[in-house]
Amino acid sequence: MLLPEEPRPELVRYDSLSRQLVPFLSGISAGDVEVSRDGRMLTYIRYPELTLWRSKADGSEAAQLTGPSLRTALAHWSPDGSRIAFSGSRPGRPWNIFVIPAAGGPADQLTFRLGV
């Protein structure tokens, strides 16, 4: 019997000196990484929880922006870096578009697709 696989991506970067992929942000299990326009901040989705996080580009000051009741994907910075837009889904509900302040706070749902 095959068990369902759980995605476990690992963040890596290419080190041109060693010509190897090396862990990035301590090799955390994350994806959908995007750098802010000014290059100082990151946003990413942690796996397997599918929670939205942001941190400084070096990984310091990491902060979880959403809880486990809101699955997230495809996060993108606003042009001024003050907000993060993302696709989100609550249990039993369809995916919609949300926006959240980059500093944290409640997520506002922008679209309201009905049904599953």
PDB file of N, CA and C in Angstrom:
ATOM      1  N   MET A   1       0.843  -1.177   0.000  1.00  0.00           N
ATOM      2  CA  MET A   1       0.000   0.000   0.000  1.00  0.00           C
ATOM      3  C   MET A   1       0.888   1.240   0.000  1.00  0.00           C
ATOM      4  N   LEU A   2       0.604   2.159  -0.884  1.00  0.00           N
ATOM      5  CA  LEU A   2       1.372   3.386  -0.952  1.00  0.00           C
ATOM      6  C   LEU A   2       0.793   4.419  -0.003  1.00  0.00           C
ATOM      7  N   LEU A   3       1.659   5.075   0.744  1.00  0.00           N
ATOM      8  CA  LEU A   3       1.229   6.145   1.629  1.00  0.00           C
ATOM      9  C   LEU A   3       1.319   7.466   0.892  1.00  0.00           C
ATOM     10  N   PRO A   4       0.381   8.390   1.170  1.00  0.00           N
ATOM     11  CA  PRO A   4       0.475   9.697   0.497  1.00  0.00           C
ATOM     12  C   PRO A   4       1.756  10.409   0.902  1.00  0.00           C
ATOM     13  N   GLU A   5       2.354  11.059  -0.059  1.00  0.00           N
ATOM     14  CA  GLU A   5       3.589  11.785   0.223  1.00  0.00           C
ATOM     15  C   GLU A   5       3.269  13.194   0.685  1.00  0.00           C
ATOM     16  N   GLU A   6       4.066  13.655   1.622  1.00  0.00           N
ATOM     17  CA  GLU A   6       3.935  15.014   2.104  1.00  0.00           C
ATOM     18  C   GLU A   6       5.108  15.804   1.552  1.00  0.00           C
ATOM     19  N   PRO A   7       4.822  16.929   0.862  1.00  0.00           N
ATOM     20  CA  PRO A   7       5.942  17.686   0.310  1.00  0.00           C
ATOM     21  C   PRO A   7       6.869  18.187   1.408  1.00  0.00           C
ATOM     22  N   ARG A   8       8.153  18.115   1.159  1.00  0.00           N
ATOM     23  CA  ARG A   8       9.141  18.593   2.121  1.00  0.00           C
ATOM     24  C   ARG A   8      10.259  19.295   1.366  1.00  0.00           C
ATOM     25  N   PRO A   9       9.925  20.439   0.761  1.00  0.00           N
ATOM     26  CA  PRO A   9      10.977  21.169   0.063  1.00  0.00           C
ATOM     27  C   PRO A   9      11.999  21.710   1.054  1.00  0.00           C
ATOM     28  N   GLU A  10      13.208  21.868   0.586  1.00  0.00           N
ATOM     29  CA  GLU A  10      14.278  22.432   1.416  1.00  0.00           C
ATOM     30  C   GLU A  10      14.873  23.617   0.677  1.00  0.00           C
ATOM     31  N   LEU A  11      15.027  24.730   1.388  1.00  0.00           N
ATOM     32  CA  LEU A  11      15.613  25.906   0.754  1.00  0.00           C
ATOM     33  C   LEU A  11      17.115  25.737   0.620  1.00  0.00           C
ATOM     34  N   VAL A  12      17.597  25.946  -0.601  1.00  0.00           N
ATOM     35  CA  VAL A  12      19.028  25.881  -0.882  1.00  0.00           C
ATOM     36  C   VAL A  12      19.396  27.053  -1.784  1.00  0.00           C
ATOM     37  N   ARG A  13      20.673  27.356  -1.835  1.00  0.00           N
ATOM     38  CA  ARG A  13      21.188  28.365  -2.757  1.00  0.00           C
ATOM     39  C   ARG A  13      22.429  27.788  -3.414  1.00  0.00           C
ATOM     40  N   TYR A  14      22.766  28.323  -4.575  1.00  0.00           N
ATOM     41  CA  TYR A  14      23.949  27.859  -5.284  1.00  0.00           C
ATOM     42  C   TYR A  14      25.149  28.678  -4.835  1.00  0.00           C
ATOM     43  N   ASP A  15      26.173  27.995  -4.351  1.00  0.00           N
ATOM     44  CA  ASP A  15      27.428  28.636  -3.948  1.00  0.00           C
ATOM     45  C   ASP A  15      28.388  28.516  -5.130  1.00  0.00           C
ATOM     46  N   SER A  16      28.680  29.651  -5.776  1.00  0.00           N
ATOM     47  CA  SER A  16      29.502  29.625  -6.976  1.00  0.00           C
ATOM     48  C   SER A  16      30.954  29.241  -6.679  1.00  0.00           C
ATOM     49  N   LEU A  17      31.438  29.481  -5.462  1.00  0.00           N
ATOM     50  CA  LEU A  17      32.811  29.093  -5.128  1.00  0.00           C
ATOM     51  C   LEU A  17      32.963  27.583  -5.031  1.00  0.00           C
ATOM     52  N   SER A  18      32.037  26.933  -4.340  1.00  0.00           N
ATOM     53  CA  SER A  18      32.125  25.480  -4.178  1.00  0.00           C
ATOM     54  C   SER A  18      31.401  24.725  -5.292  1.00  0.00           C
ATOM     55  N   ARG A  19      30.612  25.473  -6.100  1.00  0.00           N
ATOM     56  CA  ARG A  19      29.814  24.875  -7.172  1.00  0.00           C
ATOM     57  C   ARG A  19      28.845  23.828  -6.636  1.00  0.00           C
ATOM     58  N   GLN A  20      28.265  24.132  -5.501  1.00  0.00           N
ATOM     59  CA  GLN A  20      27.323  23.202  -4.880  1.00  0.00           C
ATOM     60  C   GLN A  20      26.097  23.958  -4.371  1.00  0.00           C
ATOM     61  N   LEU A  21      25.018  23.207  -4.213  1.00  0.00           N
ATOM     62  CA  LEU A  21      23.843  23.749  -3.544  1.00  0.00           C
ATOM     63  C   LEU A  21      24.074  23.607  -2.050  1.00  0.00           C
ATOM     64  N   VAL A  22      23.857  24.679  -1.314  1.00  0.00           N
ATOM     65  CA  VAL A  22      24.054  24.667   0.137  1.00  0.00           C
ATOM     66  C   VAL A  22      22.764  25.134   0.811  1.00  0.00           C
ATOM     67  N   PRO A  23      22.512  24.668   2.046  1.00  0.00           N
ATOM     68  CA  PRO A  23      21.284  25.069   2.744  1.00  0.00           C
ATOM     69  C   PRO A  23      21.174  26.587   2.862  1.00  0.00           C
ATOM     70  N   PHE A  24      19.969  27.080   2.681  1.00  0.00           N
ATOM     71  CA  PHE A  24      19.654  28.496   2.832  1.00  0.00           C
ATOM     72  C   PHE A  24      18.625  28.606   3.946  1.00  0.00           C
ATOM     73  N   LEU A  25      18.784  29.589   4.826  1.00  0.00           N
ATOM     74  CA  LEU A  25      17.908  29.740   5.996  1.00  0.00           C
ATOM     75  C   LEU A  25      17.871  28.442   6.801  1.00  0.00           C
ATOM     76  N   SER A  26      19.048  27.878   7.011  1.00  0.00           N
ATOM     77  CA  SER A  26      19.220  26.635   7.773  1.00  0.00           C
ATOM     78  C   SER A  26      18.509  25.449   7.139  1.00  0.00           C
ATOM     79  N   GLY A  27      18.183  25.537   5.856  1.00  0.00           N
ATOM     80  CA  GLY A  27      17.563  24.407   5.160  1.00  0.00           C
ATOM     81  C   GLY A  27      16.135  24.141   5.590  1.00  0.00           C
ATOM     82  N   ILE A  28      15.418  25.157   6.045  1.00  0.00           N
ATOM     83  CA  ILE A  28      14.042  24.955   6.493  1.00  0.00           C
ATOM     84  C   ILE A  28      13.197  24.400   5.355  1.00  0.00           C
ATOM     85  N   SER A  29      12.107  23.737   5.716  1.00  0.00           N
ATOM     86  CA  SER A  29      11.176  23.202   4.733  1.00  0.00           C
ATOM     87  C   SER A  29      10.215  24.317   4.333  1.00  0.00           C
ATOM     88  N   ALA A  30      10.473  24.925   3.190  1.00  0.00           N
ATOM     89  CA  ALA A  30       9.679  26.068   2.754  1.00  0.00           C
ATOM     90  C   ALA A  30       9.720  26.187   1.242  1.00  0.00           C
ATOM     91  N   GLY A  31       8.805  26.977   0.717  1.00  0.00           N
ATOM     92  CA  GLY A  31       8.754  27.226  -0.716  1.00  0.00           C
ATOM     93  C   GLY A  31       8.096  28.565  -0.984  1.00  0.00           C
ATOM     94  N   ASP A  32       7.812  28.818  -2.243  1.00  0.00           N
ATOM     95  CA  ASP A  32       7.186  30.077  -2.661  1.00  0.00           C
ATOM     96  C   ASP A  32       7.914  31.285  -2.069  1.00  0.00           C
ATOM     97  N   VAL A  33       9.223  31.273  -2.126  1.00  0.00           N
ATOM     98  CA  VAL A  33      10.029  32.363  -1.562  1.00  0.00           C
ATOM     99  C   VAL A  33      10.023  33.557  -2.511  1.00  0.00           C
ATOM    100  N   GLU A  34       9.843  34.750  -1.944  1.00  0.00           N
ATOM    101  CA  GLU A  34       9.952  35.967  -2.746  1.00  0.00           C
ATOM    102  C   GLU A  34      10.696  37.017  -1.933  1.00  0.00           C
ATOM    103  N   VAL A  35      11.590  37.721  -2.618  1.00  0.00           N
ATOM    104  CA  VAL A  35      12.378  38.785  -2.010  1.00  0.00           C
ATOM    105  C   VAL A  35      11.647  40.108  -2.236  1.00  0.00           C
ATOM    106  N   SER A  36      11.647  40.961  -1.211  1.00  0.00           N
ATOM    107  CA  SER A  36      11.028  42.277  -1.360  1.00  0.00           C
ATOM    108  C   SER A  36      11.787  43.094  -2.401  1.00  0.00           C
ATOM    109  N   ARG A  37      11.157  44.105  -2.935  1.00  0.00           N
ATOM    110  CA  ARG A  37      11.741  44.925  -3.992  1.00  0.00           C
ATOM    111  C   ARG A  37      13.093  45.515  -3.573  1.00  0.00           C
ATOM    112  N   ASP A  38      13.229  45.910  -2.296  1.00  0.00           N
ATOM    113  CA  ASP A  38      14.486  46.500  -1.822  1.00  0.00           C
ATOM    114  C   ASP A  38      15.533  45.443  -1.449  1.00  0.00           C
ATOM    115  N   GLY A  39      15.174  44.152  -1.527  1.00  0.00           N
ATOM    116  CA  GLY A  39      16.112  43.071  -1.263  1.00  0.00           C
ATOM    117  C   GLY A  39      16.390  42.801   0.203  1.00  0.00           C
ATOM    118  N   ARG A  40      15.685  43.470   1.097  1.00  0.00           N
ATOM    119  CA  ARG A  40      15.976  43.323   2.532  1.00  0.00           C
ATOM    120  C   ARG A  40      15.126  42.276   3.235  1.00  0.00           C
ATOM    121  N   MET A  41      13.994  41.903   2.650  1.00  0.00           N
ATOM    122  CA  MET A  41      13.063  40.999   3.317  1.00  0.00           C
ATOM    123  C   MET A  41      12.679  39.836   2.405  1.00  0.00           C
ATOM    124  N   LEU A  42      12.255  38.737   3.040  1.00  0.00           N
ATOM    125  CA  LEU A  42      11.758  37.558   2.339  1.00  0.00           C
ATOM    126  C   LEU A  42      10.356  37.254   2.829  1.00  0.00           C
ATOM    127  N   THR A  43       9.563  36.653   1.983  1.00  0.00           N
ATOM    128  CA  THR A  43       8.332  36.011   2.409  1.00  0.00           C
ATOM    129  C   THR A  43       8.381  34.593   1.857  1.00  0.00           C
ATOM    130  N   TYR A  44       7.827  33.647   2.622  1.00  0.00           N
ATOM    131  CA  TYR A  44       7.860  32.253   2.201  1.00  0.00           C
ATOM    132  C   TYR A  44       6.754  31.472   2.891  1.00  0.00           C
ATOM    133  N   ILE A  45       6.485  30.291   2.357  1.00  0.00           N
ATOM    134  CA  ILE A  45       5.477  29.390   2.901  1.00  0.00           C
ATOM    135  C   ILE A  45       6.209  28.223   3.565  1.00  0.00           C
ATOM    136  N   ARG A  46       5.906  27.963   4.838  1.00  0.00           N
ATOM    137  CA  ARG A  46       6.515  26.832   5.563  1.00  0.00           C
ATOM    138  C   ARG A  46       5.690  25.573   5.339  1.00  0.00           C
ATOM    139  N   TYR A  47       6.385  24.460   5.130  1.00  0.00           N
ATOM    140  CA  TYR A  47       5.767  23.153   4.947  1.00  0.00           C
ATOM    141  C   TYR A  47       6.027  22.305   6.179  1.00  0.00           C
ATOM    142  N   PRO A  48       5.156  21.396   6.528  1.00  0.00           N
ATOM    143  CA  PRO A  48       3.916  21.022   5.837  1.00  0.00           C
ATOM    144  C   PRO A  48       2.706  21.866   6.261  1.00  0.00           C
ATOM    145  N   GLU A  49       2.889  22.820   7.155  1.00  0.00           N
ATOM    146  CA  GLU A  49       1.771  23.583   7.701  1.00  0.00           C
ATOM    147  C   GLU A  49       1.100  24.517   6.702  1.00  0.00           C
ATOM    148  N   LEU A  50       1.842  24.942   5.667  1.00  0.00           N
ATOM    149  CA  LEU A  50       1.377  25.920   4.678  1.00  0.00           C
ATOM    150  C   LEU A  50       1.054  27.265   5.329  1.00  0.00           C
ATOM    151  N   THR A  51       1.906  27.679   6.280  1.00  0.00           N
ATOM    152  CA  THR A  51       1.753  28.971   6.938  1.00  0.00           C
ATOM    153  C   THR A  51       2.654  29.995   6.271  1.00  0.00           C
ATOM    154  N   LEU A  52       2.238  31.256   6.312  1.00  0.00           N
ATOM    155  CA  LEU A  52       2.973  32.363   5.693  1.00  0.00           C
ATOM    156  C   LEU A  52       3.936  32.964   6.713  1.00  0.00           C
ATOM    157  N   TRP A  53       5.192  33.184   6.293  1.00  0.00           N
ATOM    158  CA  TRP A  53       6.231  33.760   7.133  1.00  0.00           C
ATOM    159  C   TRP A  53       6.925  34.893   6.390  1.00  0.00           C
ATOM    160  N   ARG A  54       7.570  35.783   7.143  1.00  0.00           N
ATOM    161  CA  ARG A  54       8.463  36.781   6.567  1.00  0.00           C
ATOM    162  C   ARG A  54       9.663  36.903   7.483  1.00  0.00           C
ATOM    163  N   SER A  55      10.786  37.288   6.889  1.00  0.00           N
ATOM    164  CA  SER A  55      12.021  37.458   7.657  1.00  0.00           C
ATOM    165  C   SER A  55      12.917  38.447   6.926  1.00  0.00           C
ATOM    166  N   LYS A  56      13.992  38.839   7.591  1.00  0.00           N
ATOM    167  CA  LYS A  56      15.024  39.596   6.891  1.00  0.00           C
ATOM    168  C   LYS A  56      15.672  38.652   5.890  1.00  0.00           C
ATOM    169  N   ALA A  57      16.368  39.192   4.911  1.00  0.00           N
ATOM    170  CA  ALA A  57      16.961  38.373   3.849  1.00  0.00           C
ATOM    171  C   ALA A  57      17.961  37.352   4.382  1.00  0.00           C
ATOM    172  N   ASP A  58      18.576  37.622   5.536  1.00  0.00           N
ATOM    173  CA  ASP A  58      19.529  36.673   6.114  1.00  0.00           C
ATOM    174  C   ASP A  58      18.849  35.627   6.998  1.00  0.00           C
ATOM    175  N   GLY A  59      17.518  35.672   7.081  1.00  0.00           N
ATOM    176  CA  GLY A  59      16.765  34.708   7.871  1.00  0.00           C
ATOM    177  C   GLY A  59      16.479  35.157   9.295  1.00  0.00           C
ATOM    178  N   SER A  60      17.080  36.245   9.718  1.00  0.00           N
ATOM    179  CA  SER A  60      16.835  36.721  11.080  1.00  0.00           C
ATOM    180  C   SER A  60      15.452  37.368  11.174  1.00  0.00           C
ATOM    181  N   GLU A  61      14.992  37.510  12.388  1.00  0.00           N
ATOM    182  CA  GLU A  61      13.698  38.136  12.676  1.00  0.00           C
ATOM    183  C   GLU A  61      12.544  37.486  11.925  1.00  0.00           C
ATOM    184  N   ALA A  62      12.564  36.162  11.824  1.00  0.00           N
ATOM    185  CA  ALA A  62      11.475  35.437  11.173  1.00  0.00           C
ATOM    186  C   ALA A  62      10.203  35.576  12.001  1.00  0.00           C
ATOM    187  N   ALA A  63       9.095  35.793  11.310  1.00  0.00           N
ATOM    188  CA  ALA A  63       7.809  35.944  11.985  1.00  0.00           C
ATOM    189  C   ALA A  63       6.737  35.199  11.203  1.00  0.00           C
ATOM    190  N   GLN A  64       5.955  34.406  11.921  1.00  0.00           N
ATOM    191  CA  GLN A  64       4.831  33.709  11.319  1.00  0.00           C
ATOM    192  C   GLN A  64       3.674  34.692  11.199  1.00  0.00           C
ATOM    193  N   LEU A  65       3.105  34.815   9.993  1.00  0.00           N
ATOM    194  CA  LEU A  65       2.049  35.792   9.746  1.00  0.00           C
ATOM    195  C   LEU A  65       0.653  35.191   9.729  1.00  0.00           C
ATOM    196  N   THR A  66       0.531  33.895   9.446  1.00  0.00           N
ATOM    197  CA  THR A  66      -0.778  33.240   9.451  1.00  0.00           C
ATOM    198  C   THR A  66      -0.720  31.998  10.321  1.00  0.00           C
ATOM    199  N   GLY A  67      -1.878  31.598  10.820  1.00  0.00           N
ATOM    200  CA  GLY A  67      -1.976  30.409  11.651  1.00  0.00           C
ATOM    201  C   GLY A  67      -2.365  29.195  10.841  1.00  0.00           C
ATOM    202  N   PRO A  68      -2.485  28.039  11.504  1.00  0.00           N
ATOM    203  CA  PRO A  68      -2.765  26.782  10.800  1.00  0.00           C
ATOM    204  C   PRO A  68      -4.170  26.696  10.203  1.00  0.00           C
ATOM    205  N   SER A  69      -5.088  27.580  10.584  1.00  0.00           N
ATOM    206  CA  SER A  69      -6.445  27.515  10.040  1.00  0.00           C
ATOM    207  C   SER A  69      -6.558  28.168   8.665  1.00  0.00           C
ATOM    208  N   LEU A  70      -5.476  28.758   8.171  1.00  0.00           N
ATOM    209  CA  LEU A  70      -5.471  29.390   6.848  1.00  0.00           C
ATOM    210  C   LEU A  70      -4.262  28.866   6.072  1.00  0.00           C
ATOM    211  N   ARG A  71      -4.518  27.912   5.156  1.00  0.00           N
ATOM    212  CA  ARG A  71      -3.437  27.394   4.297  1.00  0.00           C
ATOM    213  C   ARG A  71      -3.061  28.480   3.302  1.00  0.00           C
ATOM    214  N   THR A  72      -1.772  28.622   3.018  1.00  0.00           N
ATOM    215  CA  THR A  72      -1.314  29.704   2.152  1.00  0.00           C
ATOM    216  C   THR A  72      -0.426  29.193   1.019  1.00  0.00           C
ATOM    217  N   ALA A  73      -0.339  29.993  -0.032  1.00  0.00           N
ATOM    218  CA  ALA A  73       0.520  29.690  -1.182  1.00  0.00           C
ATOM    219  C   ALA A  73       0.732  30.975  -1.971  1.00  0.00           C
ATOM    220  N   LEU A  74       1.750  30.982  -2.812  1.00  0.00           N
ATOM    221  CA  LEU A  74       1.977  32.031  -3.812  1.00  0.00           C
ATOM    222  C   LEU A  74       2.014  33.443  -3.232  1.00  0.00           C
ATOM    223  N   ALA A  75       2.828  33.661  -2.234  1.00  0.00           N
ATOM    224  CA  ALA A  75       2.915  34.977  -1.598  1.00  0.00           C
ATOM    225  C   ALA A  75       3.742  35.948  -2.440  1.00  0.00           C
ATOM    226  N   HIS A  76       3.302  37.220  -2.473  1.00  0.00           N
ATOM    227  CA  HIS A  76       3.991  38.269  -3.225  1.00  0.00           C
ATOM    228  C   HIS A  76       3.960  39.577  -2.450  1.00  0.00           C
ATOM    229  N   TRP A  77       5.087  40.279  -2.459  1.00  0.00           N
ATOM    230  CA  TRP A  77       5.202  41.580  -1.804  1.00  0.00           C
ATOM    231  C   TRP A  77       4.464  42.652  -2.592  1.00  0.00           C
ATOM    232  N   SER A  78       3.883  43.621  -1.883  1.00  0.00           N
ATOM    233  CA  SER A  78       3.356  44.820  -2.549  1.00  0.00           C
ATOM    234  C   SER A  78       4.561  45.641  -3.000  1.00  0.00           C
ATOM    235  N   PRO A  79       4.397  46.515  -3.993  1.00  0.00           N
ATOM    236  CA  PRO A  79       5.539  47.302  -4.478  1.00  0.00           C
ATOM    237  C   PRO A  79       6.245  48.105  -3.388  1.00  0.00           C
ATOM    238  N   ASP A  80       5.505  48.613  -2.397  1.00  0.00           N
ATOM    239  CA  ASP A  80       6.139  49.406  -1.338  1.00  0.00           C
ATOM    240  C   ASP A  80       6.615  48.565  -0.158  1.00  0.00           C
ATOM    241  N   GLY A  81       6.401  47.230  -0.208  1.00  0.00           N
ATOM    242  CA  GLY A  81       6.877  46.337   0.847  1.00  0.00           C
ATOM    243  C   GLY A  81       6.065  46.363   2.126  1.00  0.00           C
ATOM    244  N   SER A  82       4.930  47.040   2.132  1.00  0.00           N
ATOM    245  CA  SER A  82       4.141  47.149   3.358  1.00  0.00           C
ATOM    246  C   SER A  82       3.150  46.010   3.540  1.00  0.00           C
ATOM    247  N   ARG A  83       2.827  45.302   2.452  1.00  0.00           N
ATOM    248  CA  ARG A  83       1.831  44.230   2.524  1.00  0.00           C
ATOM    249  C   ARG A  83       2.279  43.028   1.710  1.00  0.00           C
ATOM    250  N   ILE A  84       1.652  41.905   1.996  1.00  0.00           N
ATOM    251  CA  ILE A  84       1.915  40.670   1.271  1.00  0.00           C
ATOM    252  C   ILE A  84       0.575  40.106   0.810  1.00  0.00           C
ATOM    253  N   ALA A  85       0.450  39.864  -0.489  1.00  0.00           N
ATOM    254  CA  ALA A  85      -0.744  39.232  -1.044  1.00  0.00           C
ATOM    255  C   ALA A  85      -0.452  37.745  -1.201  1.00  0.00           C
ATOM    256  N   PHE A  86      -1.455  36.924  -0.995  1.00  0.00           N
ATOM    257  CA  PHE A  86      -1.255  35.479  -1.116  1.00  0.00           C
ATOM    258  C   PHE A  86      -2.577  34.788  -1.411  1.00  0.00           C
ATOM    259  N   SER A  87      -2.467  33.567  -1.887  1.00  0.00           N
ATOM    260  CA  SER A  87      -3.617  32.711  -2.072  1.00  0.00           C
ATOM    261  C   SER A  87      -3.822  31.960  -0.765  1.00  0.00           C
ATOM    262  N   GLY A  88      -5.064  31.887  -0.311  1.00  0.00           N
ATOM    263  CA  GLY A  88      -5.329  31.236   0.966  1.00  0.00           C
ATOM    264  C   GLY A  88      -6.621  30.438   0.945  1.00  0.00           C
ATOM    265  N   SER A  89      -6.675  29.432   1.807  1.00  0.00           N
ATOM    266  CA  SER A  89      -7.860  28.587   1.899  1.00  0.00           C
ATOM    267  C   SER A  89      -8.070  28.159   3.341  1.00  0.00           C
ATOM    268  N   ARG A  90      -9.303  28.317   3.810  1.00  0.00           N
ATOM    269  CA  ARG A  90      -9.690  27.819   5.133  1.00  0.00           C
ATOM    270  C   ARG A  90     -10.284  26.426   4.947  1.00  0.00           C
ATOM    271  N   PRO A  91     -10.264  25.584   5.981  1.00  0.00           N
ATOM    272  CA  PRO A  91     -10.783  24.210   5.843  1.00  0.00           C
ATOM    273  C   PRO A  91     -12.187  24.176   5.232  1.00  0.00           C
ATOM    274  N   GLY A  92     -12.342  23.367   4.198  1.00  0.00           N
ATOM    275  CA  GLY A  92     -13.626  23.201   3.540  1.00  0.00           C
ATOM    276  C   GLY A  92     -14.049  24.348   2.646  1.00  0.00           C
ATOM    277  N   ARG A  93     -13.179  25.311   2.450  1.00  0.00           N
ATOM    278  CA  ARG A  93     -13.492  26.481   1.627  1.00  0.00           C
ATOM    279  C   ARG A  93     -12.550  26.535   0.428  1.00  0.00           C
ATOM    280  N   PRO A  94     -12.966  27.211  -0.638  1.00  0.00           N
ATOM    281  CA  PRO A  94     -12.092  27.325  -1.822  1.00  0.00           C
ATOM    282  C   PRO A  94     -10.957  28.319  -1.575  1.00  0.00           C
ATOM    283  N   TRP A  95      -9.974  28.279  -2.449  1.00  0.00           N
ATOM    284  CA  TRP A  95      -8.855  29.213  -2.400  1.00  0.00           C
ATOM    285  C   TRP A  95      -9.323  30.590  -2.844  1.00  0.00           C
ATOM    286  N   ASN A  96      -8.853  31.625  -2.159  1.00  0.00           N
ATOM    287  CA  ASN A  96      -9.151  33.014  -2.482  1.00  0.00           C
ATOM    288  C   ASN A  96      -7.881  33.831  -2.325  1.00  0.00           C
ATOM    289  N   ILE A  97      -7.969  35.115  -2.634  1.00  0.00           N
ATOM    290  CA  ILE A  97      -6.818  36.005  -2.502  1.00  0.00           C
ATOM    291  C   ILE A  97      -6.967  36.824  -1.225  1.00  0.00           C
ATOM    292  N   PHE A  98      -5.878  36.897  -0.471  1.00  0.00           N
ATOM    293  CA  PHE A  98      -5.830  37.628   0.787  1.00  0.00           C
ATOM    294  C   PHE A  98      -4.672  38.618   0.737  1.00  0.00           C
ATOM    295  N   VAL A  99      -4.708  39.611   1.629  1.00  0.00           N
ATOM    296  CA  VAL A  99      -3.587  40.523   1.811  1.00  0.00           C
ATOM    297  C   VAL A  99      -3.411  40.717   3.315  1.00  0.00           C
ATOM    298  N   ILE A 100      -2.144  40.811   3.735  1.00  0.00           N
ATOM    299  CA  ILE A 100      -1.828  40.937   5.156  1.00  0.00           C
ATOM    300  C   ILE A 100      -0.718  41.972   5.306  1.00  0.00           C
ATOM    301  N   PRO A 101      -0.734  42.774   6.378  1.00  0.00           N
ATOM    302  CA  PRO A 101       0.377  43.695   6.591  1.00  0.00           C
ATOM    303  C   PRO A 101       1.688  42.919   6.782  1.00  0.00           C
ATOM    304  N   ALA A 102       2.772  43.407   6.208  1.00  0.00           N
ATOM    305  CA  ALA A 102       4.066  42.725   6.340  1.00  0.00           C
ATOM    306  C   ALA A 102       4.522  42.680   7.795  1.00  0.00           C
ATOM    307  N   ALA A 103       4.078  43.627   8.601  1.00  0.00           N
ATOM    308  CA  ALA A 103       4.442  43.651  10.018  1.00  0.00           C
ATOM    309  C   ALA A 103       3.593  42.686  10.844  1.00  0.00           C
ATOM    310  N   GLY A 104       2.564  42.095  10.232  1.00  0.00           N
ATOM    311  CA  GLY A 104       1.671  41.194  10.941  1.00  0.00           C
ATOM    312  C   GLY A 104       0.331  41.848  11.186  1.00  0.00           C
ATOM    313  N   GLY A 105      -0.645  41.037  11.518  1.00  0.00           N
ATOM    314  CA  GLY A 105      -1.996  41.520  11.749  1.00  0.00           C
ATOM    315  C   GLY A 105      -2.984  40.633  11.029  1.00  0.00           C
ATOM    316  N   PRO A 106      -4.261  41.011  11.056  1.00  0.00           N
ATOM    317  CA  PRO A 106      -5.263  40.171  10.403  1.00  0.00           C
ATOM    318  C   PRO A 106      -5.138  40.209   8.883  1.00  0.00           C
ATOM    319  N   ALA A 107      -5.451  39.078   8.268  1.00  0.00           N
ATOM    320  CA  ALA A 107      -5.450  38.981   6.808  1.00  0.00           C
ATOM    321  C   ALA A 107      -6.821  39.373   6.289  1.00  0.00           C
ATOM    322  N   ASP A 108      -6.860  40.227   5.292  1.00  0.00           N
ATOM    323  CA  ASP A 108      -8.113  40.632   4.647  1.00  0.00           C
ATOM    324  C   ASP A 108      -8.330  39.794   3.400  1.00  0.00           C
ATOM    325  N   GLN A 109      -9.524  39.214   3.289  1.00  0.00           N
ATOM    326  CA  GLN A 109      -9.866  38.428   2.106  1.00  0.00           C
ATOM    327  C   GLN A 109     -10.354  39.370   1.022  1.00  0.00           C
ATOM    328  N   LEU A 110      -9.736  39.312  -0.170  1.00  0.00           N
ATOM    329  CA  LEU A 110     -10.067  40.220  -1.263  1.00  0.00           C
ATOM    330  C   LEU A 110     -11.049  39.628  -2.264  1.00  0.00           C
ATOM    331  N   THR A 111     -11.013  38.310  -2.442  1.00  0.00           N
ATOM    332  CA  THR A 111     -11.944  37.654  -3.362  1.00  0.00           C
ATOM    333  C   THR A 111     -12.819  36.704  -2.564  1.00  0.00           C
ATOM    334  N   PHE A 112     -13.986  36.385  -3.113  1.00  0.00           N
ATOM    335  CA  PHE A 112     -14.938  35.559  -2.380  1.00  0.00           C
ATOM    336  C   PHE A 112     -15.539  34.512  -3.304  1.00  0.00           C
ATOM    337  N   ARG A 113     -14.702  33.601  -3.734  1.00  0.00           N
ATOM    338  CA  ARG A 113     -15.154  32.499  -4.591  1.00  0.00           C
ATOM    339  C   ARG A 113     -15.982  31.553  -3.722  1.00  0.00           C
ATOM    340  N   LEU A 114     -17.170  31.211  -4.189  1.00  0.00           N
ATOM    341  CA  LEU A 114     -18.050  30.321  -3.443  1.00  0.00           C
ATOM    342  C   LEU A 114     -17.880  28.897  -3.944  1.00  0.00           C
ATOM    343  N   GLY A 115     -18.196  27.941  -3.115  1.00  0.00           N
ATOM    344  CA  GLY A 115     -18.092  26.544  -3.479  1.00  0.00           C
ATOM    345  C   GLY A 115     -16.680  26.041  -3.353  1.00  0.00           C
ATOM    346  N   VAL A 116     -16.525  24.752  -3.621  1.00  0.00           N
ATOM    347  CA  VAL A 116     -15.204  24.149  -3.478  1.00  0.00           C
ATOM    348  C   VAL A 116     -14.582  23.892  -4.805  1.00  0.00           C
TER     349      VAL A 116
END
